[in-house]
């Protein structure tokens, strides 16, 4: 057995998914912890001290501790957002030669890959329901933070032609994932070299085009597994997988669970509407 002692810079308190009923508003409060918010749908309007934030779909907001937070107006009926409370751990006193990685989070910004962030929040909520508390919650939060930090680094390169090309490919993946799409078909549609497209896509989104296609297909499969009465083979086919066995393999690699097991666990997600 290999035992690893991991010291993490954060401690998670709890998290959830807010789904609006079109009534009420965010209460006024001052917390001792940090709060991370990601809006999946609609717009959340909230004030922190004297600063007003309008957080739209696909955007994140980091609320600081010991500041007054209060919602502005009634929750829109289409509002849906994830929330997560955490604390920062004090740094270790002992010196180490290991290099430290810096994650710089914007307080408010557009997320570069919102579907992946949604999948991470869903994994967090599923793990939160586990009987045994583990460091998985902190590790998932660090992955979420890493995705939010990419916004700062990559938003400075929006005038770069390669990044613009990568975003075009990303849009095609989101609309054509159920078809026989590949790097070759995308490069043909975008009139560019396949190797160049694959390279700039990976530089922009930190994953290959094949990984992006699989991720988009898995995200679509998640929704079908929850809301549709389809067989596993039907879900696989409608999401672009020609082989149900390969679909199981890709889904399990992405989510850590088989499609059937994931569906059972997702039903336990912490959802609030008040």
C-alpha atoms as a PDB file:
ATOM      1  CA  UNK A   1       0.000   0.000   0.000  1.00  0.00           C
ATOM      2  CA  UNK A   2       1.169   3.500  -0.834  1.00  0.00           C
ATOM      3  CA  UNK A   3       0.226   6.138   1.732  1.00  0.00           C
ATOM      4  CA  UNK A   4       0.406   9.768   0.657  1.00  0.00           C
ATOM      5  CA  UNK A   5       0.026  12.696   3.010  1.00  0.00           C
ATOM      6  CA  UNK A   6      -1.392  15.627   1.075  1.00  0.00           C
ATOM      7  CA  UNK A   7      -1.517  19.150   2.447  1.00  0.00           C
ATOM      8  CA  UNK A   8      -4.170  21.196   0.656  1.00  0.00           C
ATOM      9  CA  UNK A   9      -4.444  25.014   0.695  1.00  0.00           C
ATOM     10  CA  UNK A  10      -8.236  25.003   1.064  1.00  0.00           C
ATOM     11  CA  UNK A  11     -10.959  23.388   3.179  1.00  0.00           C
ATOM     12  CA  UNK A  12     -14.442  22.896   1.762  1.00  0.00           C
ATOM     13  CA  UNK A  13     -17.487  23.603   3.913  1.00  0.00           C
ATOM     14  CA  UNK A  14     -20.402  22.722   1.634  1.00  0.00           C
ATOM     15  CA  UNK A  15     -21.955  23.389  -1.750  1.00  0.00           C
ATOM     16  CA  UNK A  16     -25.204  23.122  -3.646  1.00  0.00           C
ATOM     17  CA  UNK A  17     -27.244  23.850  -6.731  1.00  0.00           C
ATOM     18  CA  UNK A  18     -29.765  26.705  -6.602  1.00  0.00           C
ATOM     19  CA  UNK A  19     -32.762  26.497  -8.929  1.00  0.00           C
ATOM     20  CA  UNK A  20     -35.030  29.550  -8.849  1.00  0.00           C
ATOM     21  CA  UNK A  21     -38.801  29.412  -8.477  1.00  0.00           C
ATOM     22  CA  UNK A  22     -39.091  33.082  -9.463  1.00  0.00           C
ATOM     23  CA  UNK A  23     -39.607  34.269  -5.882  1.00  0.00           C
ATOM     24  CA  UNK A  24     -37.394  35.611  -3.115  1.00  0.00           C
ATOM     25  CA  UNK A  25     -33.923  37.147  -3.297  1.00  0.00           C
ATOM     26  CA  UNK A  26     -30.422  36.461  -2.030  1.00  0.00           C
ATOM     27  CA  UNK A  27     -30.402  37.312   1.711  1.00  0.00           C
ATOM     28  CA  UNK A  28     -28.154  39.953   3.216  1.00  0.00           C
ATOM     29  CA  UNK A  29     -25.343  38.336   5.162  1.00  0.00           C
ATOM     30  CA  UNK A  30     -21.688  38.528   6.093  1.00  0.00           C
ATOM     31  CA  UNK A  31     -19.894  35.180   6.078  1.00  0.00           C
ATOM     32  CA  UNK A  32     -16.594  34.067   7.562  1.00  0.00           C
ATOM     33  CA  UNK A  33     -15.920  31.878   4.525  1.00  0.00           C
ATOM     34  CA  UNK A  34     -15.334  32.427   0.808  1.00  0.00           C
ATOM     35  CA  UNK A  35     -18.196  31.703  -1.577  1.00  0.00           C
ATOM     36  CA  UNK A  36     -17.707  30.635  -5.183  1.00  0.00           C
ATOM     37  CA  UNK A  37     -20.695  30.986  -7.526  1.00  0.00           C
ATOM     38  CA  UNK A  38     -21.100  29.742 -11.083  1.00  0.00           C
ATOM     39  CA  UNK A  39     -24.231  30.636 -13.072  1.00  0.00           C
ATOM     40  CA  UNK A  40     -25.406  27.921 -15.426  1.00  0.00           C
ATOM     41  CA  UNK A  41     -28.531  29.786 -16.575  1.00  0.00           C
ATOM     42  CA  UNK A  42     -30.059  33.243 -16.159  1.00  0.00           C
ATOM     43  CA  UNK A  43     -28.492  36.238 -14.398  1.00  0.00           C
ATOM     44  CA  UNK A  44     -27.682  36.677 -10.703  1.00  0.00           C
ATOM     45  CA  UNK A  45     -27.487  40.283  -9.491  1.00  0.00           C
ATOM     46  CA  UNK A  46     -25.737  40.678  -6.153  1.00  0.00           C
ATOM     47  CA  UNK A  47     -23.943  43.410  -4.228  1.00  0.00           C
ATOM     48  CA  UNK A  48     -20.752  42.989  -2.201  1.00  0.00           C
ATOM     49  CA  UNK A  49     -20.322  46.033   0.025  1.00  0.00           C
ATOM     50  CA  UNK A  50     -20.488  48.901  -2.513  1.00  0.00           C
ATOM     51  CA  UNK A  51     -19.773  46.825  -5.633  1.00  0.00           C
ATOM     52  CA  UNK A  52     -22.637  45.559  -7.791  1.00  0.00           C
ATOM     53  CA  UNK A  53     -22.173  42.369  -9.814  1.00  0.00           C
ATOM     54  CA  UNK A  54     -24.372  41.081 -12.620  1.00  0.00           C
ATOM     55  CA  UNK A  55     -23.311  37.470 -13.117  1.00  0.00           C
ATOM     56  CA  UNK A  56     -24.595  36.070 -16.404  1.00  0.00           C
ATOM     57  CA  UNK A  57     -24.793  32.555 -17.814  1.00  0.00           C
ATOM     58  CA  UNK A  58     -21.353  30.969 -18.017  1.00  0.00           C
ATOM     59  CA  UNK A  59     -19.784  33.435 -15.570  1.00  0.00           C
ATOM     60  CA  UNK A  60     -18.327  32.954 -12.106  1.00  0.00           C
ATOM     61  CA  UNK A  61     -18.223  35.174  -9.026  1.00  0.00           C
ATOM     62  CA  UNK A  62     -15.964  34.962  -5.971  1.00  0.00           C
ATOM     63  CA  UNK A  63     -17.440  36.554  -2.834  1.00  0.00           C
ATOM     64  CA  UNK A  64     -14.966  37.514  -0.125  1.00  0.00           C
ATOM     65  CA  UNK A  65     -15.393  36.751   3.584  1.00  0.00           C
ATOM     66  CA  UNK A  66     -16.220  39.506   6.064  1.00  0.00           C
ATOM     67  CA  UNK A  67     -18.011  41.586   3.436  1.00  0.00           C
ATOM     68  CA  UNK A  68     -21.728  42.287   3.250  1.00  0.00           C
ATOM     69  CA  UNK A  69     -23.526  40.419   0.470  1.00  0.00           C
ATOM     70  CA  UNK A  70     -27.091  41.063  -0.582  1.00  0.00           C
ATOM     71  CA  UNK A  71     -29.144  40.179  -3.635  1.00  0.00           C
ATOM     72  CA  UNK A  72     -30.671  42.895  -5.811  1.00  0.00           C
ATOM     73  CA  UNK A  73     -34.254  42.317  -6.907  1.00  0.00           C
ATOM     74  CA  UNK A  74     -36.223  39.077  -7.122  1.00  0.00           C
ATOM     75  CA  UNK A  75     -34.569  35.911  -8.383  1.00  0.00           C
ATOM     76  CA  UNK A  76     -35.322  35.519 -12.138  1.00  0.00           C
ATOM     77  CA  UNK A  77     -37.476  32.465 -12.831  1.00  0.00           C
ATOM     78  CA  UNK A  78     -34.819  30.964 -15.128  1.00  0.00           C
ATOM     79  CA  UNK A  79     -31.918  31.400 -12.682  1.00  0.00           C
ATOM     80  CA  UNK A  80     -29.777  28.351 -11.950  1.00  0.00           C
ATOM     81  CA  UNK A  81     -26.417  28.527 -10.228  1.00  0.00           C
ATOM     82  CA  UNK A  82     -23.940  26.416  -8.254  1.00  0.00           C
ATOM     83  CA  UNK A  83     -22.519  27.676  -4.984  1.00  0.00           C
ATOM     84  CA  UNK A  84     -19.645  26.508  -2.831  1.00  0.00           C
ATOM     85  CA  UNK A  85     -18.271  27.699   0.512  1.00  0.00           C
ATOM     86  CA  UNK A  86     -14.638  27.186   1.457  1.00  0.00           C
ATOM     87  CA  UNK A  87     -11.838  28.454   3.679  1.00  0.00           C
ATOM     88  CA  UNK A  88      -8.155  29.080   3.004  1.00  0.00           C
ATOM     89  CA  UNK A  89      -5.731  27.035   5.081  1.00  0.00           C
ATOM     90  CA  UNK A  90      -2.650  28.734   6.539  1.00  0.00           C
ATOM     91  CA  UNK A  91       0.592  27.908   4.703  1.00  0.00           C
ATOM     92  CA  UNK A  92       2.922  25.331   6.208  1.00  0.00           C
ATOM     93  CA  UNK A  93       5.803  26.701   8.245  1.00  0.00           C
ATOM     94  CA  UNK A  94       8.322  24.151   7.040  1.00  0.00           C
ATOM     95  CA  UNK A  95      10.348  25.099   3.987  1.00  0.00           C
ATOM     96  CA  UNK A  96      10.333  22.903   0.897  1.00  0.00           C
ATOM     97  CA  UNK A  97      12.181  22.818  -2.370  1.00  0.00           C
ATOM     98  CA  UNK A  98       9.064  21.736  -4.247  1.00  0.00           C
ATOM     99  CA  UNK A  99       7.797  24.416  -6.657  1.00  0.00           C
ATOM    100  CA  UNK A 100       4.481  26.032  -5.769  1.00  0.00           C
ATOM    101  CA  UNK A 101       1.728  26.560  -8.342  1.00  0.00           C
ATOM    102  CA  UNK A 102      -0.112  29.858  -8.319  1.00  0.00           C
ATOM    103  CA  UNK A 103      -3.818  29.985  -9.148  1.00  0.00           C
ATOM    104  CA  UNK A 104      -5.060  33.528  -9.783  1.00  0.00           C
ATOM    105  CA  UNK A 105      -8.840  33.810  -9.714  1.00  0.00           C
ATOM    106  CA  UNK A 106     -10.707  36.818 -11.072  1.00  0.00           C
ATOM    107  CA  UNK A 107     -13.493  37.938  -8.783  1.00  0.00           C
ATOM    108  CA  UNK A 108     -15.916  38.014 -11.719  1.00  0.00           C
ATOM    109  CA  UNK A 109     -15.315  36.627 -15.162  1.00  0.00           C
ATOM    110  CA  UNK A 110     -16.411  34.562 -18.143  1.00  0.00           C
ATOM    111  CA  UNK A 111     -15.567  30.874 -17.892  1.00  0.00           C
ATOM    112  CA  UNK A 112     -13.692  29.543 -20.903  1.00  0.00           C
ATOM    113  CA  UNK A 113     -15.213  26.038 -20.783  1.00  0.00           C
ATOM    114  CA  UNK A 114     -18.534  26.266 -18.887  1.00  0.00           C
ATOM    115  CA  UNK A 115     -19.689  22.731 -19.675  1.00  0.00           C
ATOM    116  CA  UNK A 116     -16.593  21.245 -18.076  1.00  0.00           C
ATOM    117  CA  UNK A 117     -17.051  23.463 -14.999  1.00  0.00           C
ATOM    118  CA  UNK A 118     -20.654  22.247 -14.724  1.00  0.00           C
ATOM    119  CA  UNK A 119     -19.476  18.636 -14.833  1.00  0.00           C
ATOM    120  CA  UNK A 120     -16.958  19.372 -12.057  1.00  0.00           C
ATOM    121  CA  UNK A 121     -19.647  20.933  -9.862  1.00  0.00           C
ATOM    122  CA  UNK A 122     -21.854  17.883 -10.433  1.00  0.00           C
ATOM    123  CA  UNK A 123     -19.010  15.602  -9.411  1.00  0.00           C
ATOM    124  CA  UNK A 124     -18.522  17.751  -6.313  1.00  0.00           C
ATOM    125  CA  UNK A 125     -22.188  17.472  -5.340  1.00  0.00           C
ATOM    126  CA  UNK A 126     -22.196  13.723  -5.890  1.00  0.00           C
ATOM    127  CA  UNK A 127     -19.042  13.296  -3.801  1.00  0.00           C
ATOM    128  CA  UNK A 128     -20.534  15.508  -1.095  1.00  0.00           C
ATOM    129  CA  UNK A 129     -23.237  12.877  -0.542  1.00  0.00           C
ATOM    130  CA  UNK A 130     -20.668  10.195   0.284  1.00  0.00           C
ATOM    131  CA  UNK A 131     -20.870   8.809   3.790  1.00  0.00           C
ATOM    132  CA  UNK A 132     -17.124   9.021   4.274  1.00  0.00           C
ATOM    133  CA  UNK A 133     -15.605  12.492   4.057  1.00  0.00           C
ATOM    134  CA  UNK A 134     -12.451  12.594   1.917  1.00  0.00           C
ATOM    135  CA  UNK A 135     -10.148  15.167   0.342  1.00  0.00           C
ATOM    136  CA  UNK A 136     -11.932  14.618  -2.999  1.00  0.00           C
ATOM    137  CA  UNK A 137     -14.059  17.722  -2.382  1.00  0.00           C
ATOM    138  CA  UNK A 138     -10.978  19.933  -2.045  1.00  0.00           C
ATOM    139  CA  UNK A 139      -9.348  18.352  -5.094  1.00  0.00           C
ATOM    140  CA  UNK A 140     -12.455  18.944  -7.230  1.00  0.00           C
ATOM    141  CA  UNK A 141     -12.619  22.542  -6.001  1.00  0.00           C
ATOM    142  CA  UNK A 142      -8.985  23.041  -7.024  1.00  0.00           C
ATOM    143  CA  UNK A 143      -9.860  21.740 -10.505  1.00  0.00           C
ATOM    144  CA  UNK A 144     -12.740  24.223 -10.664  1.00  0.00           C
ATOM    145  CA  UNK A 145     -10.440  27.029  -9.588  1.00  0.00           C
ATOM    146  CA  UNK A 146      -7.901  26.040 -12.215  1.00  0.00           C
ATOM    147  CA  UNK A 147     -10.593  26.311 -14.888  1.00  0.00           C
ATOM    148  CA  UNK A 148     -11.598  29.760 -13.635  1.00  0.00           C
ATOM    149  CA  UNK A 149      -7.983  30.912 -13.612  1.00  0.00           C
ATOM    150  CA  UNK A 150      -7.658  29.980 -17.301  1.00  0.00           C
ATOM    151  CA  UNK A 151     -10.070  32.822 -18.050  1.00  0.00           C
ATOM    152  CA  UNK A 152      -7.514  35.409 -16.997  1.00  0.00           C
ATOM    153  CA  UNK A 153      -4.656  33.888 -18.955  1.00  0.00           C
ATOM    154  CA  UNK A 154      -6.523  33.204 -22.171  1.00  0.00           C
ATOM    155  CA  UNK A 155      -8.796  36.252 -22.277  1.00  0.00           C
ATOM    156  CA  UNK A 156      -5.697  38.343 -22.897  1.00  0.00           C
ATOM    157  CA  UNK A 157      -5.172  36.498 -26.191  1.00  0.00           C
ATOM    158  CA  UNK A 158      -8.557  37.033 -27.839  1.00  0.00           C
ATOM    159  CA  UNK A 159      -6.981  38.888 -30.743  1.00  0.00           C
ATOM    160  CA  UNK A 160      -4.789  35.901 -31.578  1.00  0.00           C
ATOM    161  CA  UNK A 161      -5.936  34.174 -34.779  1.00  0.00           C
ATOM    162  CA  UNK A 162      -5.124  30.725 -33.384  1.00  0.00           C
ATOM    163  CA  UNK A 163      -7.299  31.252 -30.310  1.00  0.00           C
ATOM    164  CA  UNK A 164     -10.130  32.544 -32.503  1.00  0.00           C
ATOM    165  CA  UNK A 165      -9.841  29.403 -34.621  1.00  0.00           C
ATOM    166  CA  UNK A 166      -9.956  27.235 -31.489  1.00  0.00           C
ATOM    167  CA  UNK A 167     -13.157  28.953 -30.357  1.00  0.00           C
ATOM    168  CA  UNK A 168     -14.749  28.299 -33.753  1.00  0.00           C
ATOM    169  CA  UNK A 169     -13.841  24.622 -33.425  1.00  0.00           C
ATOM    170  CA  UNK A 170     -15.288  24.590 -29.910  1.00  0.00           C
ATOM    171  CA  UNK A 171     -18.585  25.971 -31.202  1.00  0.00           C
ATOM    172  CA  UNK A 172     -18.730  23.293 -33.901  1.00  0.00           C
ATOM    173  CA  UNK A 173     -18.059  20.590 -31.306  1.00  0.00           C
ATOM    174  CA  UNK A 174     -20.948  21.841 -29.178  1.00  0.00           C
ATOM    175  CA  UNK A 175     -23.370  21.691 -32.112  1.00  0.00           C
ATOM    176  CA  UNK A 176     -22.061  18.630 -33.966  1.00  0.00           C
ATOM    177  CA  UNK A 177     -20.913  16.281 -31.181  1.00  0.00           C
ATOM    178  CA  UNK A 178     -23.677  13.793 -32.049  1.00  0.00           C
ATOM    179  CA  UNK A 179     -22.296  13.466 -35.599  1.00  0.00           C
ATOM    180  CA  UNK A 180     -19.102  11.675 -36.785  1.00  0.00           C
ATOM    181  CA  UNK A 181     -17.016  14.742 -35.905  1.00  0.00           C
ATOM    182  CA  UNK A 182     -13.209  14.659 -35.650  1.00  0.00           C
ATOM    183  CA  UNK A 183     -10.171  16.902 -35.981  1.00  0.00           C
ATOM    184  CA  UNK A 184     -10.163  16.136 -39.698  1.00  0.00           C
ATOM    185  CA  UNK A 185     -13.811  17.063 -40.267  1.00  0.00           C
ATOM    186  CA  UNK A 186     -13.444  20.237 -38.188  1.00  0.00           C
ATOM    187  CA  UNK A 187     -10.324  21.364 -40.035  1.00  0.00           C
ATOM    188  CA  UNK A 188     -12.125  20.762 -43.328  1.00  0.00           C
ATOM    189  CA  UNK A 189     -15.027  22.960 -42.257  1.00  0.00           C
ATOM    190  CA  UNK A 190     -12.707  25.657 -40.948  1.00  0.00           C
ATOM    191  CA  UNK A 191     -10.388  25.478 -43.996  1.00  0.00           C
ATOM    192  CA  UNK A 192      -7.201  24.940 -42.000  1.00  0.00           C
ATOM    193  CA  UNK A 193      -4.538  22.323 -41.384  1.00  0.00           C
ATOM    194  CA  UNK A 194      -5.656  19.540 -39.012  1.00  0.00           C
ATOM    195  CA  UNK A 195      -2.363  19.455 -37.076  1.00  0.00           C
ATOM    196  CA  UNK A 196      -2.404  23.225 -36.608  1.00  0.00           C
ATOM    197  CA  UNK A 197      -6.029  23.157 -35.421  1.00  0.00           C
ATOM    198  CA  UNK A 198      -5.281  20.409 -32.918  1.00  0.00           C
ATOM    199  CA  UNK A 199      -2.287  22.326 -31.593  1.00  0.00           C
ATOM    200  CA  UNK A 200      -4.017  25.692 -31.097  1.00  0.00           C
ATOM    201  CA  UNK A 201      -7.083  23.994 -29.616  1.00  0.00           C
ATOM    202  CA  UNK A 202      -4.983  22.253 -26.993  1.00  0.00           C
ATOM    203  CA  UNK A 203      -3.087  25.451 -26.196  1.00  0.00           C
ATOM    204  CA  UNK A 204      -6.365  27.310 -25.701  1.00  0.00           C
ATOM    205  CA  UNK A 205      -8.469  24.766 -23.816  1.00  0.00           C
ATOM    206  CA  UNK A 206      -5.800  22.487 -22.257  1.00  0.00           C
ATOM    207  CA  UNK A 207      -7.282  19.353 -23.843  1.00  0.00           C
ATOM    208  CA  UNK A 208      -7.252  17.633 -27.218  1.00  0.00           C
ATOM    209  CA  UNK A 209     -10.104  17.875 -29.713  1.00  0.00           C
ATOM    210  CA  UNK A 210     -10.907  14.199 -29.166  1.00  0.00           C
ATOM    211  CA  UNK A 211     -11.111  14.793 -25.407  1.00  0.00           C
ATOM    212  CA  UNK A 212     -13.368  17.800 -26.021  1.00  0.00           C
ATOM    213  CA  UNK A 213     -15.694  15.753 -28.245  1.00  0.00           C
ATOM    214  CA  UNK A 214     -15.892  12.998 -25.633  1.00  0.00           C
ATOM    215  CA  UNK A 215     -16.553  15.532 -22.889  1.00  0.00           C
ATOM    216  CA  UNK A 216     -19.382  17.159 -24.841  1.00  0.00           C
ATOM    217  CA  UNK A 217     -20.920  13.754 -25.569  1.00  0.00           C
ATOM    218  CA  UNK A 218     -20.712  12.733 -21.921  1.00  0.00           C
ATOM    219  CA  UNK A 219     -22.360  15.990 -20.819  1.00  0.00           C
ATOM    220  CA  UNK A 220     -25.201  15.358 -23.245  1.00  0.00           C
ATOM    221  CA  UNK A 221     -25.485  11.790 -21.998  1.00  0.00           C
ATOM    222  CA  UNK A 222     -25.791  13.051 -18.395  1.00  0.00           C
ATOM    223  CA  UNK A 223     -28.929  15.017 -19.277  1.00  0.00           C
ATOM    224  CA  UNK A 224     -30.466  12.097 -21.190  1.00  0.00           C
ATOM    225  CA  UNK A 225     -29.777   9.649 -18.377  1.00  0.00           C
ATOM    226  CA  UNK A 226     -31.637  11.908 -15.957  1.00  0.00           C
ATOM    227  CA  UNK A 227     -34.522  13.201 -18.037  1.00  0.00           C
ATOM    228  CA  UNK A 228     -35.209  10.661 -20.786  1.00  0.00           C
ATOM    229  CA  UNK A 229     -36.541   7.115 -20.608  1.00  0.00           C
ATOM    230  CA  UNK A 230     -34.005   5.884 -23.165  1.00  0.00           C
ATOM    231  CA  UNK A 231     -32.033   2.680 -23.109  1.00  0.00           C
ATOM    232  CA  UNK A 232     -28.281   2.876 -22.697  1.00  0.00           C
ATOM    233  CA  UNK A 233     -27.734   2.018 -26.356  1.00  0.00           C
ATOM    234  CA  UNK A 234     -30.148   4.768 -27.426  1.00  0.00           C
ATOM    235  CA  UNK A 235     -28.354   7.328 -25.236  1.00  0.00           C
ATOM    236  CA  UNK A 236     -25.000   6.260 -26.669  1.00  0.00           C
ATOM    237  CA  UNK A 237     -26.215   6.557 -30.260  1.00  0.00           C
ATOM    238  CA  UNK A 238     -27.912   9.920 -29.762  1.00  0.00           C
ATOM    239  CA  UNK A 239     -24.705  11.295 -28.201  1.00  0.00           C
ATOM    240  CA  UNK A 240     -22.515  10.205 -31.116  1.00  0.00           C
ATOM    241  CA  UNK A 241     -21.143   6.889 -29.841  1.00  0.00           C
ATOM    242  CA  UNK A 242     -21.444   4.033 -32.325  1.00  0.00           C
ATOM    243  CA  UNK A 243     -20.552   1.380 -29.745  1.00  0.00           C
ATOM    244  CA  UNK A 244     -22.285   1.172 -26.341  1.00  0.00           C
ATOM    245  CA  UNK A 245     -19.270  -0.545 -24.775  1.00  0.00           C
ATOM    246  CA  UNK A 246     -17.006   2.318 -25.844  1.00  0.00           C
ATOM    247  CA  UNK A 247     -19.598   4.768 -24.496  1.00  0.00           C
ATOM    248  CA  UNK A 248     -19.433   3.065 -21.070  1.00  0.00           C
ATOM    249  CA  UNK A 249     -15.635   3.231 -21.135  1.00  0.00           C
ATOM    250  CA  UNK A 250     -15.516   6.941 -22.034  1.00  0.00           C
ATOM    251  CA  UNK A 251     -18.276   7.848 -19.549  1.00  0.00           C
ATOM    252  CA  UNK A 252     -16.596   6.003 -16.701  1.00  0.00           C
ATOM    253  CA  UNK A 253     -13.230   7.608 -17.445  1.00  0.00           C
ATOM    254  CA  UNK A 254     -14.811  11.076 -17.439  1.00  0.00           C
ATOM    255  CA  UNK A 255     -17.163  10.689 -14.467  1.00  0.00           C
ATOM    256  CA  UNK A 256     -15.526   7.953 -12.404  1.00  0.00           C
ATOM    257  CA  UNK A 257     -18.748   5.912 -12.528  1.00  0.00           C
ATOM    258  CA  UNK A 258     -20.651   3.809 -15.017  1.00  0.00           C
ATOM    259  CA  UNK A 259     -23.707   5.525 -16.582  1.00  0.00           C
ATOM    260  CA  UNK A 260     -26.090   3.502 -14.378  1.00  0.00           C
ATOM    261  CA  UNK A 261     -24.144   4.170 -11.171  1.00  0.00           C
ATOM    262  CA  UNK A 262     -23.818   7.856 -11.995  1.00  0.00           C
ATOM    263  CA  UNK A 263     -27.570   8.169 -12.520  1.00  0.00           C
ATOM    264  CA  UNK A 264     -28.270   6.647  -9.093  1.00  0.00           C
ATOM    265  CA  UNK A 265     -25.826   8.997  -7.354  1.00  0.00           C
ATOM    266  CA  UNK A 266     -26.931  12.160  -9.181  1.00  0.00           C
ATOM    267  CA  UNK A 267     -30.430  11.779  -7.745  1.00  0.00           C
ATOM    268  CA  UNK A 268     -28.951  12.598  -4.329  1.00  0.00           C
ATOM    269  CA  UNK A 269     -27.529  15.991  -5.377  1.00  0.00           C
ATOM    270  CA  UNK A 270     -28.047  18.827  -2.894  1.00  0.00           C
ATOM    271  CA  UNK A 271     -30.514  21.142  -4.625  1.00  0.00           C
ATOM    272  CA  UNK A 272     -32.092  24.196  -2.990  1.00  0.00           C
ATOM    273  CA  UNK A 273     -34.611  26.727  -4.282  1.00  0.00           C
ATOM    274  CA  UNK A 274     -34.898  29.096  -1.317  1.00  0.00           C
END
